[in-house]
């Protein structure tokens, strides 16, 4: 999975999030795709830039990646 694909997924998750839940969905993205991002040494800032959302959300993706060591997403 490349940066552009991850950016599209992040954008979709953000746009489809219920009002007030966008940041939680960004965290969830980090949790779900942490392995892909880390294994391929993708830049979080590049992924966020590709998504079209505010670059400041790169911090929130990073938080999700860190959380991935401790949580498992529900289906």
PDB file of N, CA and C in Angstrom:
ATOM      1  N   UNK A   1       0.847  -1.172   0.000  1.00  0.00           N
ATOM      2  CA  UNK A   1       0.000   0.000   0.000  1.00  0.00           C
ATOM      3  C   UNK A   1       0.896   1.240   0.000  1.00  0.00           C
ATOM      4  N   UNK A   2       0.624   2.150  -0.918  1.00  0.00           N
ATOM      5  CA  UNK A   2       1.478   3.333  -1.007  1.00  0.00           C
ATOM      6  C   UNK A   2       0.858   4.533  -0.285  1.00  0.00           C
ATOM      7  N   UNK A   3       1.586   5.643  -0.276  1.00  0.00           N
ATOM      8  CA  UNK A   3       1.175   6.848   0.448  1.00  0.00           C
ATOM      9  C   UNK A   3      -0.160   7.376  -0.081  1.00  0.00           C
ATOM     10  N   UNK A   4      -0.338   7.362  -1.395  1.00  0.00           N
ATOM     11  CA  UNK A   4      -1.573   7.876  -1.978  1.00  0.00           C
ATOM     12  C   UNK A   4      -2.782   7.034  -1.563  1.00  0.00           C
ATOM     13  N   UNK A   5      -2.632   5.723  -1.550  1.00  0.00           N
ATOM     14  CA  UNK A   5      -3.724   4.845  -1.127  1.00  0.00           C
ATOM     15  C   UNK A   5      -4.071   5.089   0.344  1.00  0.00           C
ATOM     16  N   UNK A   6      -3.056   5.189   1.170  1.00  0.00           N
ATOM     17  CA  UNK A   6      -3.289   5.464   2.584  1.00  0.00           C
ATOM     18  C   UNK A   6      -3.953   6.822   2.773  1.00  0.00           C
ATOM     19  N   UNK A   7      -3.531   7.799   1.983  1.00  0.00           N
ATOM     20  CA  UNK A   7      -4.147   9.124   2.039  1.00  0.00           C
ATOM     21  C   UNK A   7      -5.617   9.084   1.680  1.00  0.00           C
ATOM     22  N   UNK A   8      -5.966   8.293   0.665  1.00  0.00           N
ATOM     23  CA  UNK A   8      -7.378   8.163   0.270  1.00  0.00           C
ATOM     24  C   UNK A   8      -8.201   7.517   1.391  1.00  0.00           C
ATOM     25  N   UNK A   9      -7.632   6.496   2.018  1.00  0.00           N
ATOM     26  CA  UNK A   9      -8.330   5.822   3.122  1.00  0.00           C
ATOM     27  C   UNK A   9      -8.533   6.782   4.291  1.00  0.00           C
ATOM     28  N   UNK A  10      -7.487   7.508   4.647  1.00  0.00           N
ATOM     29  CA  UNK A  10      -7.581   8.472   5.746  1.00  0.00           C
ATOM     30  C   UNK A  10      -8.632   9.539   5.442  1.00  0.00           C
ATOM     31  N   UNK A  11      -8.613  10.059   4.233  1.00  0.00           N
ATOM     32  CA  UNK A  11      -9.590  11.066   3.829  1.00  0.00           C
ATOM     33  C   UNK A  11     -11.008  10.522   3.943  1.00  0.00           C
ATOM     34  N   UNK A  12     -11.211   9.317   3.475  1.00  0.00           N
ATOM     35  CA  UNK A  12     -12.528   8.692   3.519  1.00  0.00           C
ATOM     36  C   UNK A  12     -12.997   8.496   4.962  1.00  0.00           C
ATOM     37  N   UNK A  13     -12.107   8.001   5.813  1.00  0.00           N
ATOM     38  CA  UNK A  13     -12.464   7.788   7.219  1.00  0.00           C
ATOM     39  C   UNK A  13     -12.825   9.119   7.885  1.00  0.00           C
ATOM     40  N   UNK A  14     -12.069  10.149   7.580  1.00  0.00           N
ATOM     41  CA  UNK A  14     -12.300  11.471   8.162  1.00  0.00           C
ATOM     42  C   UNK A  14     -13.638  12.032   7.695  1.00  0.00           C
ATOM     43  N   UNK A  15     -13.885  11.975   6.393  1.00  0.00           N
ATOM     44  CA  UNK A  15     -15.112  12.562   5.835  1.00  0.00           C
ATOM     45  C   UNK A  15     -16.377  11.814   6.255  1.00  0.00           C
ATOM     46  N   UNK A  16     -16.270  10.514   6.474  1.00  0.00           N
ATOM     47  CA  UNK A  16     -17.439   9.716   6.847  1.00  0.00           C
ATOM     48  C   UNK A  16     -17.680   9.658   8.354  1.00  0.00           C
ATOM     49  N   UNK A  17     -16.770  10.247   9.125  1.00  0.00           N
ATOM     50  CA  UNK A  17     -16.918  10.217  10.588  1.00  0.00           C
ATOM     51  C   UNK A  17     -18.107  11.069  11.015  1.00  0.00           C
ATOM     52  N   UNK A  18     -18.863  10.583  11.994  1.00  0.00           N
ATOM     53  CA  UNK A  18     -19.952  11.412  12.530  1.00  0.00           C
ATOM     54  C   UNK A  18     -19.387  12.712  13.103  1.00  0.00           C
ATOM     55  N   UNK A  19     -20.210  13.736  13.116  1.00  0.00           N
ATOM     56  CA  UNK A  19     -19.779  15.039  13.651  1.00  0.00           C
ATOM     57  C   UNK A  19     -19.201  14.871  15.055  1.00  0.00           C
ATOM     58  N   UNK A  20     -18.039  15.444  15.266  1.00  0.00           N
ATOM     59  CA  UNK A  20     -17.390  15.373  16.568  1.00  0.00           C
ATOM     60  C   UNK A  20     -16.544  14.131  16.777  1.00  0.00           C
ATOM     61  N   UNK A  21     -16.489  13.245  15.782  1.00  0.00           N
ATOM     62  CA  UNK A  21     -15.734  11.990  15.911  1.00  0.00           C
ATOM     63  C   UNK A  21     -14.570  11.912  14.921  1.00  0.00           C
ATOM     64  N   UNK A  22     -14.277  13.015  14.242  1.00  0.00           N
ATOM     65  CA  UNK A  22     -13.229  12.993  13.226  1.00  0.00           C
ATOM     66  C   UNK A  22     -11.855  12.639  13.798  1.00  0.00           C
ATOM     67  N   UNK A  23     -11.513  13.215  14.935  1.00  0.00           N
ATOM     68  CA  UNK A  23     -10.199  12.945  15.523  1.00  0.00           C
ATOM     69  C   UNK A  23     -10.099  11.483  15.953  1.00  0.00           C
ATOM     70  N   UNK A  24     -11.174  10.941  16.492  1.00  0.00           N
ATOM     71  CA  UNK A  24     -11.167   9.524  16.867  1.00  0.00           C
ATOM     72  C   UNK A  24     -10.942   8.646  15.647  1.00  0.00           C
ATOM     73  N   UNK A  25     -11.532   9.018  14.516  1.00  0.00           N
ATOM     74  CA  UNK A  25     -11.339   8.243  13.285  1.00  0.00           C
ATOM     75  C   UNK A  25      -9.902   8.355  12.780  1.00  0.00           C
ATOM     76  N   UNK A  26      -9.273   9.490  12.994  1.00  0.00           N
ATOM     77  CA  UNK A  26      -7.860   9.636  12.616  1.00  0.00           C
ATOM     78  C   UNK A  26      -7.006   8.731  13.494  1.00  0.00           C
ATOM     79  N   UNK A  27      -7.301   8.685  14.779  1.00  0.00           N
ATOM     80  CA  UNK A  27      -6.586   7.771  15.680  1.00  0.00           C
ATOM     81  C   UNK A  27      -6.788   6.330  15.213  1.00  0.00           C
ATOM     82  N   UNK A  28      -8.030   5.987  14.875  1.00  0.00           N
ATOM     83  CA  UNK A  28      -8.341   4.636  14.417  1.00  0.00           C
ATOM     84  C   UNK A  28      -7.555   4.293  13.147  1.00  0.00           C
ATOM     85  N   UNK A  29      -7.431   5.240  12.245  1.00  0.00           N
ATOM     86  CA  UNK A  29      -6.622   5.024  11.051  1.00  0.00           C
ATOM     87  C   UNK A  29      -5.200   4.646  11.452  1.00  0.00           C
ATOM     88  N   UNK A  30      -4.622   5.401  12.385  1.00  0.00           N
ATOM     89  CA  UNK A  30      -3.271   5.102  12.851  1.00  0.00           C
ATOM     90  C   UNK A  30      -3.154   3.717  13.443  1.00  0.00           C
ATOM     91  N   UNK A  31      -4.172   3.310  14.206  1.00  0.00           N
ATOM     92  CA  UNK A  31      -4.175   1.979  14.810  1.00  0.00           C
ATOM     93  C   UNK A  31      -4.242   0.905  13.725  1.00  0.00           C
ATOM     94  N   UNK A  32      -5.183   1.071  12.798  1.00  0.00           N
ATOM     95  CA  UNK A  32      -5.419   0.046  11.784  1.00  0.00           C
ATOM     96  C   UNK A  32      -4.261  -0.110  10.797  1.00  0.00           C
ATOM     97  N   UNK A  33      -3.606   0.986  10.470  1.00  0.00           N
ATOM     98  CA  UNK A  33      -2.589   0.941   9.419  1.00  0.00           C
ATOM     99  C   UNK A  33      -1.169   1.133   9.937  1.00  0.00           C
ATOM    100  N   UNK A  34      -0.980   1.038  11.241  1.00  0.00           N
ATOM    101  CA  UNK A  34       0.348   1.231  11.840  1.00  0.00           C
ATOM    102  C   UNK A  34       1.388   0.295  11.231  1.00  0.00           C
ATOM    103  N   UNK A  35       1.028  -0.975  11.097  1.00  0.00           N
ATOM    104  CA  UNK A  35       2.001  -1.935  10.561  1.00  0.00           C
ATOM    105  C   UNK A  35       2.423  -1.588   9.142  1.00  0.00           C
ATOM    106  N   UNK A  36       1.470  -1.219   8.312  1.00  0.00           N
ATOM    107  CA  UNK A  36       1.776  -0.865   6.921  1.00  0.00           C
ATOM    108  C   UNK A  36       2.666   0.367   6.877  1.00  0.00           C
ATOM    109  N   UNK A  37       2.310   1.369   7.666  1.00  0.00           N
ATOM    110  CA  UNK A  37       3.069   2.624   7.688  1.00  0.00           C
ATOM    111  C   UNK A  37       4.496   2.374   8.167  1.00  0.00           C
ATOM    112  N   UNK A  38       4.636   1.639   9.243  1.00  0.00           N
ATOM    113  CA  UNK A  38       5.963   1.399   9.812  1.00  0.00           C
ATOM    114  C   UNK A  38       6.796   0.461   8.955  1.00  0.00           C
ATOM    115  N   UNK A  39       6.185  -0.598   8.462  1.00  0.00           N
ATOM    116  CA  UNK A  39       6.912  -1.582   7.655  1.00  0.00           C
ATOM    117  C   UNK A  39       7.497  -0.956   6.386  1.00  0.00           C
ATOM    118  N   UNK A  40       6.756   0.002   5.814  1.00  0.00           N
ATOM    119  CA  UNK A  40       7.196   0.641   4.577  1.00  0.00           C
ATOM    120  C   UNK A  40       7.892   1.979   4.807  1.00  0.00           C
ATOM    121  N   UNK A  41       8.097   2.333   6.064  1.00  0.00           N
ATOM    122  CA  UNK A  41       8.743   3.602   6.419  1.00  0.00           C
ATOM    123  C   UNK A  41       8.087   4.800   5.731  1.00  0.00           C
ATOM    124  N   UNK A  42       6.743   4.778   5.658  1.00  0.00           N
ATOM    125  CA  UNK A  42       6.013   5.894   5.059  1.00  0.00           C
ATOM    126  C   UNK A  42       6.056   7.095   5.997  1.00  0.00           C
ATOM    127  N   UNK A  43       6.110   8.261   5.401  1.00  0.00           N
ATOM    128  CA  UNK A  43       6.055   9.505   6.161  1.00  0.00           C
ATOM    129  C   UNK A  43       4.606   9.800   6.533  1.00  0.00           C
ATOM    130  N   UNK A  44       4.365  10.018   7.802  1.00  0.00           N
ATOM    131  CA  UNK A  44       3.013  10.338   8.257  1.00  0.00           C
ATOM    132  C   UNK A  44       2.564  11.655   7.647  1.00  0.00           C
ATOM    133  N   UNK A  45       3.454  12.623   7.585  1.00  0.00           N
ATOM    134  CA  UNK A  45       3.100  13.921   6.990  1.00  0.00           C
ATOM    135  C   UNK A  45       2.732  13.769   5.525  1.00  0.00           C
ATOM    136  N   UNK A  46       3.420  12.898   4.803  1.00  0.00           N
ATOM    137  CA  UNK A  46       3.083  12.670   3.393  1.00  0.00           C
ATOM    138  C   UNK A  46       1.702  12.037   3.254  1.00  0.00           C
ATOM    139  N   UNK A  47       1.368  11.123   4.148  1.00  0.00           N
ATOM    140  CA  UNK A  47       0.052  10.478   4.113  1.00  0.00           C
ATOM    141  C   UNK A  47      -1.038  11.512   4.382  1.00  0.00           C
ATOM    142  N   UNK A  48      -0.843  12.318   5.403  1.00  0.00           N
ATOM    143  CA  UNK A  48      -1.839  13.342   5.742  1.00  0.00           C
ATOM    144  C   UNK A  48      -1.959  14.352   4.607  1.00  0.00           C
ATOM    145  N   UNK A  49      -0.846  14.748   4.021  1.00  0.00           N
ATOM    146  CA  UNK A  49      -0.896  15.672   2.888  1.00  0.00           C
ATOM    147  C   UNK A  49      -1.671  15.054   1.728  1.00  0.00           C
ATOM    148  N   UNK A  50      -1.451  13.777   1.463  1.00  0.00           N
ATOM    149  CA  UNK A  50      -2.153  13.088   0.376  1.00  0.00           C
ATOM    150  C   UNK A  50      -3.640  12.977   0.648  1.00  0.00           C
ATOM    151  N   UNK A  51      -4.024  12.987   1.922  1.00  0.00           N
ATOM    152  CA  UNK A  51      -5.438  12.865   2.284  1.00  0.00           C
ATOM    153  C   UNK A  51      -6.204  14.163   2.048  1.00  0.00           C
ATOM    154  N   UNK A  52      -5.500  15.275   2.060  1.00  0.00           N
ATOM    155  CA  UNK A  52      -6.156  16.569   1.880  1.00  0.00           C
ATOM    156  C   UNK A  52      -6.683  17.187   3.157  1.00  0.00           C
ATOM    157  N   UNK A  53      -6.505  16.505   4.285  1.00  0.00           N
ATOM    158  CA  UNK A  53      -6.934  17.101   5.552  1.00  0.00           C
ATOM    159  C   UNK A  53      -5.791  17.956   6.092  1.00  0.00           C
ATOM    160  N   UNK A  54      -6.066  18.724   7.135  1.00  0.00           N
ATOM    161  CA  UNK A  54      -5.072  19.628   7.697  1.00  0.00           C
ATOM    162  C   UNK A  54      -3.834  18.868   8.154  1.00  0.00           C
ATOM    163  N   UNK A  55      -2.667  19.369   7.785  1.00  0.00           N
ATOM    164  CA  UNK A  55      -1.388  18.702   8.094  1.00  0.00           C
ATOM    165  C   UNK A  55      -1.176  18.560   9.602  1.00  0.00           C
ATOM    166  N   UNK A  56      -1.832  19.394  10.389  1.00  0.00           N
ATOM    167  CA  UNK A  56      -1.678  19.301  11.848  1.00  0.00           C
ATOM    168  C   UNK A  56      -2.203  17.965  12.376  1.00  0.00           C
ATOM    169  N   UNK A  57      -3.029  17.266  11.597  1.00  0.00           N
ATOM    170  CA  UNK A  57      -3.543  15.970  12.019  1.00  0.00           C
ATOM    171  C   UNK A  57      -2.493  14.863  11.970  1.00  0.00           C
ATOM    172  N   UNK A  58      -1.312  15.166  11.468  1.00  0.00           N
ATOM    173  CA  UNK A  58      -0.228  14.176  11.476  1.00  0.00           C
ATOM    174  C   UNK A  58       0.072  13.731  12.913  1.00  0.00           C
ATOM    175  N   UNK A  59      -0.043  14.649  13.846  1.00  0.00           N
ATOM    176  CA  UNK A  59       0.163  14.319  15.260  1.00  0.00           C
ATOM    177  C   UNK A  59      -0.850  13.282  15.726  1.00  0.00           C
ATOM    178  N   UNK A  60      -2.090  13.418  15.272  1.00  0.00           N
ATOM    179  CA  UNK A  60      -3.138  12.490  15.682  1.00  0.00           C
ATOM    180  C   UNK A  60      -2.921  11.104  15.068  1.00  0.00           C
ATOM    181  N   UNK A  61      -2.437  11.047  13.833  1.00  0.00           N
ATOM    182  CA  UNK A  61      -2.097   9.756  13.224  1.00  0.00           C
ATOM    183  C   UNK A  61      -0.987   9.102  14.034  1.00  0.00           C
ATOM    184  N   UNK A  62       0.007   9.884  14.417  1.00  0.00           N
ATOM    185  CA  UNK A  62       1.104   9.355  15.236  1.00  0.00           C
ATOM    186  C   UNK A  62       0.599   8.777  16.554  1.00  0.00           C
ATOM    187  N   UNK A  63      -0.353   9.442  17.162  1.00  0.00           N
ATOM    188  CA  UNK A  63      -0.938   8.935  18.410  1.00  0.00           C
ATOM    189  C   UNK A  63      -1.607   7.586  18.170  1.00  0.00           C
ATOM    190  N   UNK A  64      -2.320   7.464  17.050  1.00  0.00           N
ATOM    191  CA  UNK A  64      -2.961   6.195  16.717  1.00  0.00           C
ATOM    192  C   UNK A  64      -1.956   5.083  16.517  1.00  0.00           C
ATOM    193  N   UNK A  65      -0.854   5.404  15.870  1.00  0.00           N
ATOM    194  CA  UNK A  65       0.203   4.403  15.655  1.00  0.00           C
ATOM    195  C   UNK A  65       0.755   3.937  17.002  1.00  0.00           C
ATOM    196  N   UNK A  66       0.968   4.865  17.905  1.00  0.00           N
ATOM    197  CA  UNK A  66       1.459   4.493  19.236  1.00  0.00           C
ATOM    198  C   UNK A  66       0.435   3.643  19.989  1.00  0.00           C
ATOM    199  N   UNK A  67      -0.835   3.991  19.842  1.00  0.00           N
ATOM    200  CA  UNK A  67      -1.897   3.221  20.499  1.00  0.00           C
ATOM    201  C   UNK A  67      -2.012   1.800  19.953  1.00  0.00           C
ATOM    202  N   UNK A  68      -1.568   1.596  18.717  1.00  0.00           N
ATOM    203  CA  UNK A  68      -1.716   0.282  18.075  1.00  0.00           C
ATOM    204  C   UNK A  68      -1.025  -0.838  18.853  1.00  0.00           C
ATOM    205  N   UNK A  69      -0.078  -0.482  19.681  1.00  0.00           N
ATOM    206  CA  UNK A  69       0.601  -1.489  20.515  1.00  0.00           C
ATOM    207  C   UNK A  69      -0.309  -1.999  21.634  1.00  0.00           C
ATOM    208  N   UNK A  70      -1.374  -1.244  21.936  1.00  0.00           N
ATOM    209  CA  UNK A  70      -2.174  -1.540  23.111  1.00  0.00           C
ATOM    210  C   UNK A  70      -3.640  -1.833  22.838  1.00  0.00           C
ATOM    211  N   UNK A  71      -4.127  -1.493  21.640  1.00  0.00           N
ATOM    212  CA  UNK A  71      -5.558  -1.650  21.364  1.00  0.00           C
ATOM    213  C   UNK A  71      -5.789  -2.444  20.079  1.00  0.00           C
ATOM    214  N   UNK A  72      -6.978  -3.023  19.993  1.00  0.00           N
ATOM    215  CA  UNK A  72      -7.405  -3.747  18.799  1.00  0.00           C
ATOM    216  C   UNK A  72      -8.730  -3.142  18.354  1.00  0.00           C
ATOM    217  N   UNK A  73      -8.848  -2.713  17.092  1.00  0.00           N
ATOM    218  CA  UNK A  73     -10.117  -2.106  16.654  1.00  0.00           C
ATOM    219  C   UNK A  73     -11.253  -3.133  16.619  1.00  0.00           C
ATOM    220  N   UNK A  74     -12.453  -2.645  16.905  1.00  0.00           N
ATOM    221  CA  UNK A  74     -13.653  -3.489  16.766  1.00  0.00           C
ATOM    222  C   UNK A  74     -14.042  -3.522  15.297  1.00  0.00           C
ATOM    223  N   UNK A  75     -14.708  -4.571  14.886  1.00  0.00           N
ATOM    224  CA  UNK A  75     -15.191  -4.648  13.504  1.00  0.00           C
ATOM    225  C   UNK A  75     -16.429  -3.816  13.303  1.00  0.00           C
TER     226      UNK A  75
END
